[in-house]
Amino acid sequence: MTETVVLRARGLTKHYGQVVALDDCDFDLRADEILAVIGDNGAGKSTLIKALTGAVVPDSGTISLKGEQVHFRSALDARRVGIETVYQELGVAPALDITQNLYLGREQRRKGLLGTVFRKLDKPAMRHGSARQMADLGIRIQSIRQKVETLSGGQRQAVAVARVAAWATSVVIMDEPTAALGVRETNQVLGLIERVRENGLPVVLISHNMPNVFQVADRIHIHRLGRRIALVDPRNTTMEEAVAVMTGAKSPESLHLEGGTA
């Protein structure tokens, strides 16, 4: 695994009145890894991810993408540089078909006057692109013209993942992608996450599901009280040890750390 860091944050701080959501927080995502972010409710994970995706502007600290410092003022800013996010709420449009969901907000228009003047959509090109994207990720569906509302929970999640993987050029972030899924569908989504990484995109996985984390993560960022308190390799750390540090029952120094505490 390469040591190249794609997305890095240093000293991120964010206050909401007297509440400290981020407290001098650091973050590092390597170029070819699945990095899991774990932490108790209220630890500041959501604020960290929102800062990295432009949904929240930190009070202080820096964020760098591929070695260049970036300043996100909105989620659109992050999307412009290739950071795409699958939120826990999915954000798919059930009444639209798979192709319409993959190209939602990014519809392709026909070339020439049909596209520029009459604003006709290039539906064949979008269907072809959708089919190719689903095939690249190994997602099996009956037809790309299926309405998303006819799909299972795992298939809907797959459509959401396929959409971000189609447009991301730098980083894919997934917030609780297996929430409310059964065992079979969970394994399908975890396999999909691994294929996204294999296709060249680093993945940030936010999850409360420790077995899922230890199944797919290359490294684990442990978040507590608004900051990264440990960065560990799951091959050298047990699930029980990671949870103990996450909850404060053990000190970070008791673990085999990757890069030390923050």
Protein backbone atom coordinates (compact mmCIF):
# COMPACT_ATOMS: atom_id res chain seq x y z
CA MET A 1 0.00 0.00 0.00
CA THR A 2 1.36 3.42 -0.96
CA GLU A 3 2.06 6.04 1.68
CA THR A 4 0.79 8.86 -0.56
CA VAL A 5 -1.80 10.93 1.30
CA VAL A 6 -4.70 12.13 -0.87
CA LEU A 7 -6.78 13.99 1.72
CA ARG A 8 -5.20 15.55 4.82
CA ALA A 9 -6.49 17.83 7.56
CA ARG A 10 -4.51 19.49 10.30
CA GLY A 11 -5.80 21.26 13.39
CA LEU A 12 -9.47 21.40 12.42
CA THR A 13 -11.51 23.18 15.07
CA LYS A 14 -15.22 23.90 15.09
CA HIS A 15 -17.35 25.44 17.87
CA TYR A 16 -21.12 25.64 18.12
CA GLY A 17 -21.47 28.16 20.91
CA GLN A 18 -19.91 26.54 23.96
CA VAL A 19 -19.87 23.11 22.33
CA VAL A 20 -16.57 22.01 20.82
CA ALA A 21 -17.40 19.71 17.90
CA LEU A 22 -13.83 19.52 16.55
CA ASP A 23 -10.83 20.09 18.78
CA ASP A 24 -7.55 20.48 16.86
CA CYS A 25 -8.42 17.42 14.78
CA ASP A 26 -6.09 15.72 12.29
CA PHE A 27 -7.03 13.40 9.43
CA ASP A 28 -5.12 11.42 6.78
CA LEU A 29 -6.43 9.33 3.89
CA ARG A 30 -3.98 7.41 1.72
CA ALA A 31 -4.32 6.97 -2.00
CA ASP A 32 -5.37 3.33 -2.16
CA GLU A 33 -7.06 2.53 1.11
CA ILE A 34 -10.37 2.10 2.86
CA LEU A 35 -10.09 4.24 5.99
CA ALA A 36 -12.74 3.61 8.62
CA VAL A 37 -13.74 6.40 11.00
CA ILE A 38 -15.23 5.16 14.27
CA GLY A 39 -16.40 6.96 17.40
CA ASP A 40 -19.24 7.18 19.87
CA ASN A 41 -22.30 9.33 19.20
CA GLY A 42 -21.33 12.95 19.86
CA ALA A 43 -17.62 12.31 19.28
CA GLY A 44 -17.53 14.74 16.35
CA LYS A 45 -17.36 12.28 13.44
CA SER A 46 -20.19 13.93 11.53
CA THR A 47 -18.68 17.39 11.92
CA LEU A 48 -15.31 16.09 10.70
CA ILE A 49 -16.87 14.56 7.60
CA LYS A 50 -18.94 17.68 6.95
CA ALA A 51 -15.77 19.78 7.14
CA LEU A 52 -14.00 17.47 4.69
CA THR A 53 -16.93 17.67 2.26
CA GLY A 54 -17.69 21.37 2.48
CA ALA A 55 -20.96 21.10 4.40
CA VAL A 56 -19.35 22.80 7.42
CA VAL A 57 -16.66 25.49 7.40
CA PRO A 58 -14.22 24.93 10.30
CA ASP A 59 -13.27 27.84 12.54
CA SER A 60 -9.58 27.04 12.05
CA GLY A 61 -7.26 24.42 10.59
CA THR A 62 -6.30 23.36 7.07
CA ILE A 63 -7.45 20.79 4.53
CA SER A 64 -5.24 19.61 1.66
CA LEU A 65 -6.19 17.51 -1.35
CA LYS A 66 -3.38 15.84 -3.29
CA GLY A 67 -0.86 18.16 -1.65
CA GLU A 68 -2.73 21.38 -2.43
CA GLN A 69 -4.53 23.33 0.28
CA VAL A 70 -8.25 23.71 -0.39
CA HIS A 71 -10.92 25.96 1.09
CA PHE A 72 -14.42 24.54 0.90
CA ARG A 73 -17.31 26.94 1.39
CA SER A 74 -19.99 24.51 0.29
CA ALA A 75 -20.50 20.87 -0.62
CA LEU A 76 -20.41 21.95 -4.26
CA ASP A 77 -16.82 23.12 -3.80
CA ALA A 78 -15.83 19.63 -2.62
CA ARG A 79 -17.68 17.99 -5.48
CA ARG A 80 -15.88 20.20 -7.98
CA VAL A 81 -12.54 18.70 -6.90
CA GLY A 82 -13.81 15.13 -7.00
CA ILE A 83 -14.99 14.41 -3.44
CA GLU A 84 -18.32 12.59 -3.47
CA THR A 85 -20.38 11.37 -0.50
CA VAL A 86 -22.99 8.69 0.10
CA TYR A 87 -25.06 9.87 3.05
CA GLN A 88 -26.91 7.59 5.44
CA GLU A 89 -30.20 8.95 4.07
CA LEU A 90 -29.07 7.74 0.59
CA GLY A 91 -30.50 10.68 -1.36
CA VAL A 92 -31.77 8.56 -4.26
CA ALA A 93 -34.98 9.50 -6.05
CA PRO A 94 -37.26 6.44 -5.79
CA ALA A 95 -39.62 7.48 -8.59
CA LEU A 96 -36.76 7.81 -11.10
CA ASP A 97 -34.98 4.95 -12.82
CA ILE A 98 -31.36 3.90 -12.29
CA THR A 99 -29.99 5.98 -15.17
CA GLN A 100 -31.88 9.07 -14.05
CA ASN A 101 -30.47 8.65 -10.55
CA LEU A 102 -26.88 8.19 -11.71
CA TYR A 103 -27.10 11.33 -13.84
CA LEU A 104 -29.29 13.37 -11.50
CA GLY A 105 -28.12 16.98 -11.73
CA ARG A 106 -25.52 15.99 -14.33
CA GLU A 107 -27.73 15.14 -17.27
CA GLN A 108 -26.01 14.92 -20.67
CA ARG A 109 -27.48 16.87 -23.54
CA ARG A 110 -27.33 15.93 -27.19
CA LYS A 111 -24.67 17.47 -29.36
CA GLY A 112 -25.45 20.35 -31.68
CA LEU A 113 -28.65 22.35 -31.86
CA LEU A 114 -30.76 19.60 -30.30
CA GLY A 115 -28.85 19.99 -27.08
CA THR A 116 -27.96 23.67 -27.02
CA VAL A 117 -31.18 25.13 -28.39
CA PHE A 118 -33.83 22.50 -27.76
CA ARG A 119 -32.12 21.14 -24.61
CA LYS A 120 -32.74 17.53 -25.61
CA LEU A 121 -31.17 14.93 -23.34
CA ASP A 122 -28.85 12.27 -24.73
CA LYS A 123 -30.70 9.35 -23.16
CA PRO A 124 -28.87 6.59 -25.09
CA ALA A 125 -25.48 7.91 -23.97
CA MET A 126 -26.62 8.12 -20.35
CA ARG A 127 -28.05 4.59 -20.44
CA HIS A 128 -24.82 3.30 -21.92
CA GLY A 129 -22.79 5.09 -19.26
CA SER A 130 -25.02 3.76 -16.51
CA ALA A 131 -24.77 0.19 -17.75
CA ARG A 132 -21.00 0.45 -17.96
CA GLN A 133 -20.73 1.90 -14.44
CA MET A 134 -22.92 -0.80 -12.93
CA ALA A 135 -20.93 -3.50 -14.75
CA ASP A 136 -17.60 -2.04 -13.64
CA LEU A 137 -18.71 -2.32 -10.02
CA GLY A 138 -20.22 -5.76 -10.49
CA ILE A 139 -23.75 -4.61 -9.62
CA ARG A 140 -26.39 -6.95 -10.95
CA ILE A 141 -29.76 -5.48 -11.88
CA GLN A 142 -32.46 -6.53 -14.32
CA SER A 143 -32.48 -3.28 -16.27
CA ILE A 144 -31.03 0.20 -15.90
CA ARG A 145 -34.56 1.43 -16.69
CA GLN A 146 -35.86 -0.01 -13.42
CA LYS A 147 -37.39 2.50 -11.04
CA VAL A 148 -35.32 2.71 -7.87
CA GLU A 149 -38.47 2.18 -5.79
CA THR A 150 -38.67 -1.37 -7.19
CA LEU A 151 -35.19 -2.26 -5.88
CA SER A 152 -34.21 -3.88 -2.60
CA GLY A 153 -32.47 -1.88 0.12
CA GLY A 154 -29.09 -3.24 -0.87
CA GLN A 155 -29.69 -2.46 -4.54
CA ARG A 156 -30.74 1.10 -3.70
CA GLN A 157 -27.56 1.51 -1.70
CA ALA A 158 -25.63 0.11 -4.68
CA VAL A 159 -27.17 2.76 -6.95
CA ALA A 160 -26.11 5.48 -4.49
CA VAL A 161 -22.57 4.09 -4.39
CA ALA A 162 -22.44 3.74 -8.17
CA ARG A 163 -23.45 7.37 -8.57
CA VAL A 164 -20.67 8.74 -6.37
CA ALA A 165 -18.12 6.34 -7.86
CA ALA A 166 -19.12 7.52 -11.34
CA TRP A 167 -18.39 11.16 -10.57
CA ALA A 168 -15.69 11.04 -7.89
CA THR A 169 -12.14 11.64 -9.10
CA SER A 170 -10.43 12.02 -5.73
CA VAL A 171 -12.29 10.52 -2.75
CA VAL A 172 -15.47 8.59 -1.96
CA ILE A 173 -16.98 9.06 1.51
CA MET A 174 -19.64 6.66 2.80
CA ASP A 175 -21.68 7.42 5.91
CA GLU A 176 -23.15 4.25 7.50
CA PRO A 177 -23.68 2.55 4.12
CA THR A 178 -24.88 -0.73 5.65
CA ALA A 179 -27.37 0.74 8.12
CA ALA A 180 -30.73 -1.09 8.10
CA LEU A 181 -29.50 -3.75 5.66
CA GLY A 182 -29.70 -7.50 6.15
CA VAL A 183 -26.65 -9.75 6.31
CA ARG A 184 -26.66 -10.66 2.62
CA GLU A 185 -27.18 -7.08 1.44
CA THR A 186 -24.55 -5.83 3.89
CA ASN A 187 -21.98 -8.22 2.43
CA GLN A 188 -22.91 -7.07 -1.07
CA VAL A 189 -22.35 -3.43 -0.13
CA LEU A 190 -19.04 -4.22 1.61
CA GLY A 191 -17.91 -6.02 -1.53
CA LEU A 192 -18.93 -2.98 -3.53
CA ILE A 193 -16.85 -0.71 -1.28
CA GLU A 194 -13.82 -2.92 -1.90
CA ARG A 195 -14.39 -2.74 -5.67
CA VAL A 196 -14.52 1.06 -5.53
CA ARG A 197 -11.10 0.99 -3.85
CA GLU A 198 -9.81 -1.57 -6.38
CA ASN A 199 -10.96 0.74 -9.18
CA GLY A 200 -8.59 3.41 -7.88
CA LEU A 201 -10.62 5.54 -5.48
CA PRO A 202 -9.76 5.79 -1.78
CA VAL A 203 -12.77 5.35 0.50
CA VAL A 204 -13.67 6.86 3.87
CA LEU A 205 -16.11 4.59 5.70
CA ILE A 206 -18.00 5.97 8.71
CA SER A 207 -19.60 3.12 10.60
CA HIS A 208 -20.77 1.94 14.01
CA ASN A 209 -20.66 -1.65 12.84
CA MET A 210 -17.34 -2.97 14.12
CA PRO A 211 -17.44 -6.32 12.27
CA ASN A 212 -17.95 -4.42 9.00
CA VAL A 213 -15.09 -2.07 9.84
CA PHE A 214 -12.69 -4.89 10.61
CA GLN A 215 -13.77 -6.78 7.51
CA VAL A 216 -12.87 -4.11 4.96
CA ALA A 217 -10.79 -1.32 6.53
CA ASP A 218 -7.08 -0.98 5.84
CA ARG A 219 -6.71 1.49 8.72
CA ILE A 220 -9.01 2.80 11.43
CA HIS A 221 -9.26 6.42 12.57
CA ILE A 222 -10.56 6.41 16.16
CA HIS A 223 -12.39 9.63 17.00
CA ARG A 224 -13.15 10.80 20.54
CA LEU A 225 -14.03 14.17 22.08
CA GLY A 226 -13.68 16.03 18.81
CA ARG A 227 -10.31 14.72 17.68
CA ARG A 228 -8.42 11.75 16.33
CA ILE A 229 -6.99 9.97 19.33
CA ALA A 230 -5.58 6.96 17.49
CA LEU A 231 -4.89 5.62 14.02
CA VAL A 232 -4.55 1.85 13.95
CA ASP A 233 -4.06 -1.13 11.67
CA PRO A 234 -6.88 -3.66 12.18
CA ARG A 235 -4.42 -6.48 11.59
CA ASN A 236 -2.57 -5.45 14.76
CA THR A 237 -5.58 -4.37 16.85
CA THR A 238 -8.56 -6.34 18.10
CA MET A 239 -12.14 -5.15 17.88
CA GLU A 240 -12.34 -5.09 21.67
CA GLU A 241 -9.22 -2.92 21.95
CA ALA A 242 -10.51 -0.43 19.37
CA VAL A 243 -13.88 -0.13 21.12
CA ALA A 244 -12.18 0.28 24.51
CA VAL A 245 -10.10 3.19 23.22
CA MET A 246 -13.09 4.68 21.41
CA THR A 247 -15.13 4.71 24.63
CA GLY A 248 -12.28 5.85 26.89
CA ALA A 249 -11.94 2.54 28.75
CA LYS A 250 -8.36 2.22 27.46
CA SER A 251 -5.69 4.77 26.59
CA PRO A 252 -4.53 5.13 22.97
CA GLU A 253 -1.01 4.29 24.11
CA SER A 254 -2.17 0.72 24.78
CA LEU A 255 -2.58 0.14 21.03
CA HIS A 256 -0.17 -0.45 18.19
CA LEU A 257 -0.57 2.96 16.55
CA GLU A 258 -0.22 3.91 12.90
CA GLY A 259 1.31 7.35 12.96
CA GLY A 260 0.67 7.97 16.64
CA THR A 261 -2.09 9.77 18.45
CA ALA A 262 -3.38 13.17 17.39
